[in-house]
Amino acid sequence: MRMLLLLGCSVALLSACSDQNEAAEDKLERAAETSATVAGPMPAALGLSEAQLLDADLVLADGKELGDVAQVVRGPDDKVDRLLVEIEDSNPDRYVHVPILGLKTVTKGDDTDLVTTMTGAEIAALPEVKLPAP
């Protein structure tokens, strides 16, 4: 009986954590979209608007996807200096800041991606950015 109670509590706790993570991710997405709308079509970095940066994937030179841009981050001078990237296939979702310096754009059809010179291991080794609680 105790095992069932313990298992039930564990499932409830995991569900609550998952709900909090989803709420934090939703809040982040809304804030990023609002910022992109306010910034408008003007280039923010790399010749791309904030909205275009948010639509981009972070890829290696061979096209392998490393992550999705979740937020455009500006420094004290109000210039974009890094991107908050959700690392591909991380579970639970893991976010890191990737410096804008060294990134290049590549366009394939209607898609624009950001190519990094960093390796997948270097991206994975970047410090994790915890999303603020919703």
C-alpha atoms as a PDB file:
ATOM      1  CA  MET A   1       0.000   0.000   0.000  1.00  0.00           C
ATOM      2  CA  ARG A   2       2.818   2.394   0.866  1.00  0.00           C
ATOM      3  CA  MET A   3       4.437   1.675  -2.524  1.00  0.00           C
ATOM      4  CA  LEU A   4       1.242   2.649  -4.326  1.00  0.00           C
ATOM      5  CA  LEU A   5       0.969   5.837  -2.293  1.00  0.00           C
ATOM      6  CA  LEU A   6       4.623   6.683  -2.942  1.00  0.00           C
ATOM      7  CA  LEU A   7       4.226   5.973  -6.659  1.00  0.00           C
ATOM      8  CA  GLY A   8       1.093   8.123  -6.797  1.00  0.00           C
ATOM      9  CA  CYS A   9       2.880  11.012  -5.074  1.00  0.00           C
ATOM     10  CA  SER A  10       5.843  10.699  -7.445  1.00  0.00           C
ATOM     11  CA  VAL A  11       3.594  10.801 -10.506  1.00  0.00           C
ATOM     12  CA  ALA A  12       1.734  13.834  -9.130  1.00  0.00           C
ATOM     13  CA  LEU A  13       5.012  15.635  -8.420  1.00  0.00           C
ATOM     14  CA  LEU A  14       6.379  14.915 -11.892  1.00  0.00           C
ATOM     15  CA  SER A  15       3.121  16.081 -13.449  1.00  0.00           C
ATOM     16  CA  ALA A  16       3.254  19.344 -11.464  1.00  0.00           C
ATOM     17  CA  CYS A  17       6.880  19.941 -12.544  1.00  0.00           C
ATOM     18  CA  SER A  18       5.975  19.242 -16.157  1.00  0.00           C
ATOM     19  CA  ASP A  19       3.046  21.671 -15.950  1.00  0.00           C
ATOM     20  CA  GLN A  20       5.338  24.358 -14.478  1.00  0.00           C
ATOM     21  CA  ASN A  21       7.923  23.805 -17.227  1.00  0.00           C
ATOM     22  CA  GLU A  22       5.259  24.068 -19.912  1.00  0.00           C
ATOM     23  CA  ALA A  23       3.877  27.248 -18.341  1.00  0.00           C
ATOM     24  CA  ALA A  24       7.376  28.769 -18.189  1.00  0.00           C
ATOM     25  CA  GLU A  25       8.015  27.822 -21.834  1.00  0.00           C
ATOM     26  CA  ASP A  26       4.666  29.307 -22.889  1.00  0.00           C
ATOM     27  CA  LYS A  27       5.479  32.532 -21.026  1.00  0.00           C
ATOM     28  CA  LEU A  28       8.903  32.677 -22.702  1.00  0.00           C
ATOM     29  CA  GLU A  29       7.367  32.139 -26.135  1.00  0.00           C
ATOM     30  CA  ARG A  30       4.766  34.887 -25.618  1.00  0.00           C
ATOM     31  CA  ALA A  31       7.449  37.323 -24.411  1.00  0.00           C
ATOM     32  CA  ALA A  32       9.706  36.515 -27.390  1.00  0.00           C
ATOM     33  CA  GLU A  33       6.846  36.972 -29.859  1.00  0.00           C
ATOM     34  CA  THR A  34       5.834  40.256 -28.237  1.00  0.00           C
ATOM     35  CA  SER A  35       9.410  41.527 -28.419  1.00  0.00           C
ATOM     36  CA  ALA A  36       9.607  40.545 -32.095  1.00  0.00           C
ATOM     37  CA  THR A  37       6.332  42.343 -32.843  1.00  0.00           C
ATOM     38  CA  VAL A  38       7.507  45.499 -31.072  1.00  0.00           C
ATOM     39  CA  ALA A  39      10.889  45.389 -32.855  1.00  0.00           C
ATOM     40  CA  GLY A  40       9.155  45.064 -36.223  1.00  0.00           C
ATOM     41  CA  PRO A  41      10.872  44.246 -39.506  1.00  0.00           C
ATOM     42  CA  MET A  42      14.105  46.094 -38.777  1.00  0.00           C
ATOM     43  CA  PRO A  43      17.209  43.861 -38.775  1.00  0.00           C
ATOM     44  CA  ALA A  44      18.176  42.931 -35.225  1.00  0.00           C
ATOM     45  CA  ALA A  45      21.289  40.855 -35.984  1.00  0.00           C
ATOM     46  CA  LEU A  46      22.882  39.015 -38.896  1.00  0.00           C
ATOM     47  CA  GLY A  47      20.614  40.952 -41.272  1.00  0.00           C
ATOM     48  CA  LEU A  48      17.529  39.277 -39.771  1.00  0.00           C
ATOM     49  CA  SER A  49      14.622  40.706 -37.810  1.00  0.00           C
ATOM     50  CA  GLU A  50      13.800  39.329 -34.361  1.00  0.00           C
ATOM     51  CA  ALA A  51      10.909  37.368 -35.874  1.00  0.00           C
ATOM     52  CA  GLN A  52      13.232  35.804 -38.454  1.00  0.00           C
ATOM     53  CA  LEU A  53      15.762  34.934 -35.750  1.00  0.00           C
ATOM     54  CA  LEU A  54      13.003  33.250 -33.728  1.00  0.00           C
ATOM     55  CA  ASP A  55      12.023  31.168 -36.767  1.00  0.00           C
ATOM     56  CA  ALA A  56      15.614  30.026 -37.331  1.00  0.00           C
ATOM     57  CA  ASP A  57      17.205  26.778 -36.244  1.00  0.00           C
ATOM     58  CA  LEU A  58      20.776  26.550 -34.973  1.00  0.00           C
ATOM     59  CA  VAL A  59      22.653  24.128 -37.228  1.00  0.00           C
ATOM     60  CA  LEU A  60      26.133  22.806 -37.934  1.00  0.00           C
ATOM     61  CA  ALA A  61      27.806  23.492 -41.282  1.00  0.00           C
ATOM     62  CA  ASP A  62      26.569  20.085 -42.494  1.00  0.00           C
ATOM     63  CA  GLY A  63      22.967  21.096 -41.700  1.00  0.00           C
ATOM     64  CA  LYS A  64      22.548  18.951 -38.577  1.00  0.00           C
ATOM     65  CA  GLU A  65      20.111  20.708 -36.279  1.00  0.00           C
ATOM     66  CA  LEU A  66      21.401  21.588 -32.800  1.00  0.00           C
ATOM     67  CA  GLY A  67      18.449  23.557 -31.470  1.00  0.00           C
ATOM     68  CA  ASP A  68      15.704  26.119 -31.889  1.00  0.00           C
ATOM     69  CA  VAL A  69      16.001  29.819 -31.164  1.00  0.00           C
ATOM     70  CA  ALA A  70      13.631  30.560 -28.289  1.00  0.00           C
ATOM     71  CA  GLN A  71      14.546  34.182 -27.514  1.00  0.00           C
ATOM     72  CA  VAL A  72      16.654  37.039 -28.827  1.00  0.00           C
ATOM     73  CA  VAL A  73      18.753  38.533 -26.009  1.00  0.00           C
ATOM     74  CA  ARG A  74      20.160  42.056 -26.050  1.00  0.00           C
ATOM     75  CA  GLY A  75      23.125  43.352 -24.088  1.00  0.00           C
ATOM     76  CA  PRO A  76      23.389  46.589 -22.097  1.00  0.00           C
ATOM     77  CA  ASP A  77      23.981  48.486 -25.348  1.00  0.00           C
ATOM     78  CA  ASP A  78      20.607  47.198 -26.670  1.00  0.00           C
ATOM     79  CA  LYS A  79      22.353  45.186 -29.399  1.00  0.00           C
ATOM     80  CA  VAL A  80      21.644  41.487 -29.845  1.00  0.00           C
ATOM     81  CA  ASP A  81      24.603  39.672 -28.311  1.00  0.00           C
ATOM     82  CA  ARG A  82      23.235  36.157 -27.788  1.00  0.00           C
ATOM     83  CA  LEU A  83      20.318  33.864 -28.450  1.00  0.00           C
ATOM     84  CA  LEU A  84      18.504  31.621 -26.023  1.00  0.00           C
ATOM     85  CA  VAL A  85      18.446  28.232 -27.730  1.00  0.00           C
ATOM     86  CA  GLU A  86      16.476  25.137 -26.786  1.00  0.00           C
ATOM     87  CA  ILE A  87      18.833  22.217 -27.384  1.00  0.00           C
ATOM     88  CA  GLU A  88      17.460  19.673 -29.842  1.00  0.00           C
ATOM     89  CA  ASP A  89      16.117  16.434 -28.355  1.00  0.00           C
ATOM     90  CA  SER A  90      16.822  17.433 -24.752  1.00  0.00           C
ATOM     91  CA  ASN A  91      14.463  15.914 -22.234  1.00  0.00           C
ATOM     92  CA  PRO A  92      13.582  17.756 -20.147  1.00  0.00           C
ATOM     93  CA  ASP A  93      14.009  20.794 -22.373  1.00  0.00           C
ATOM     94  CA  ARG A  94      17.406  22.422 -21.859  1.00  0.00           C
ATOM     95  CA  TYR A  95      18.204  26.033 -22.758  1.00  0.00           C
ATOM     96  CA  VAL A  96      21.577  27.708 -23.304  1.00  0.00           C
ATOM     97  CA  HIS A  97      22.786  31.124 -24.413  1.00  0.00           C
ATOM     98  CA  VAL A  98      24.631  31.005 -27.733  1.00  0.00           C
ATOM     99  CA  PRO A  99      26.751  34.058 -28.623  1.00  0.00           C
ATOM    100  CA  ILE A 100      25.695  35.796 -31.836  1.00  0.00           C
ATOM    101  CA  LEU A 101      29.360  36.331 -32.687  1.00  0.00           C
ATOM    102  CA  GLY A 102      30.483  33.681 -35.150  1.00  0.00           C
ATOM    103  CA  LEU A 103      27.003  32.739 -36.370  1.00  0.00           C
ATOM    104  CA  LYS A 104      26.211  32.931 -40.079  1.00  0.00           C
ATOM    105  CA  THR A 105      22.945  32.657 -41.950  1.00  0.00           C
ATOM    106  CA  VAL A 106      22.133  30.024 -44.535  1.00  0.00           C
ATOM    107  CA  THR A 107      18.941  30.061 -46.578  1.00  0.00           C
ATOM    108  CA  LYS A 108      17.333  26.973 -48.064  1.00  0.00           C
ATOM    109  CA  GLY A 109      14.140  27.818 -49.902  1.00  0.00           C
ATOM    110  CA  ASP A 110      11.958  29.759 -47.476  1.00  0.00           C
ATOM    111  CA  ASP A 111      13.930  28.635 -44.396  1.00  0.00           C
ATOM    112  CA  THR A 112      16.777  30.596 -42.879  1.00  0.00           C
ATOM    113  CA  ASP A 113      18.992  28.840 -40.356  1.00  0.00           C
ATOM    114  CA  LEU A 114      21.922  29.972 -38.248  1.00  0.00           C
ATOM    115  CA  VAL A 115      25.171  28.092 -38.757  1.00  0.00           C
ATOM    116  CA  THR A 116      27.555  27.851 -35.827  1.00  0.00           C
ATOM    117  CA  THR A 117      31.226  26.968 -35.789  1.00  0.00           C
ATOM    118  CA  MET A 118      30.745  25.437 -32.338  1.00  0.00           C
ATOM    119  CA  THR A 119      30.400  21.671 -32.150  1.00  0.00           C
ATOM    120  CA  GLY A 120      27.365  19.907 -30.749  1.00  0.00           C
ATOM    121  CA  ALA A 121      29.444  18.980 -27.702  1.00  0.00           C
ATOM    122  CA  GLU A 122      30.451  22.626 -27.167  1.00  0.00           C
ATOM    123  CA  ILE A 123      26.818  23.737 -27.370  1.00  0.00           C
ATOM    124  CA  ALA A 124      25.789  20.996 -24.925  1.00  0.00           C
ATOM    125  CA  ALA A 125      28.578  22.071 -22.550  1.00  0.00           C
ATOM    126  CA  LEU A 126      27.296  25.665 -22.325  1.00  0.00           C
ATOM    127  CA  PRO A 127      25.783  26.543 -18.933  1.00  0.00           C
ATOM    128  CA  GLU A 128      22.087  25.769 -18.706  1.00  0.00           C
ATOM    129  CA  VAL A 129      19.736  28.742 -18.521  1.00  0.00           C
ATOM    130  CA  LYS A 130      16.846  28.082 -16.150  1.00  0.00           C
ATOM    131  CA  LEU A 131      13.559  29.616 -17.225  1.00  0.00           C
ATOM    132  CA  PRO A 132      11.960  31.841 -14.625  1.00  0.00           C
ATOM    133  CA  ALA A 133       8.915  30.418 -12.881  1.00  0.00           C
ATOM    134  CA  PRO A 134       5.632  31.419 -14.528  1.00  0.00           C
END
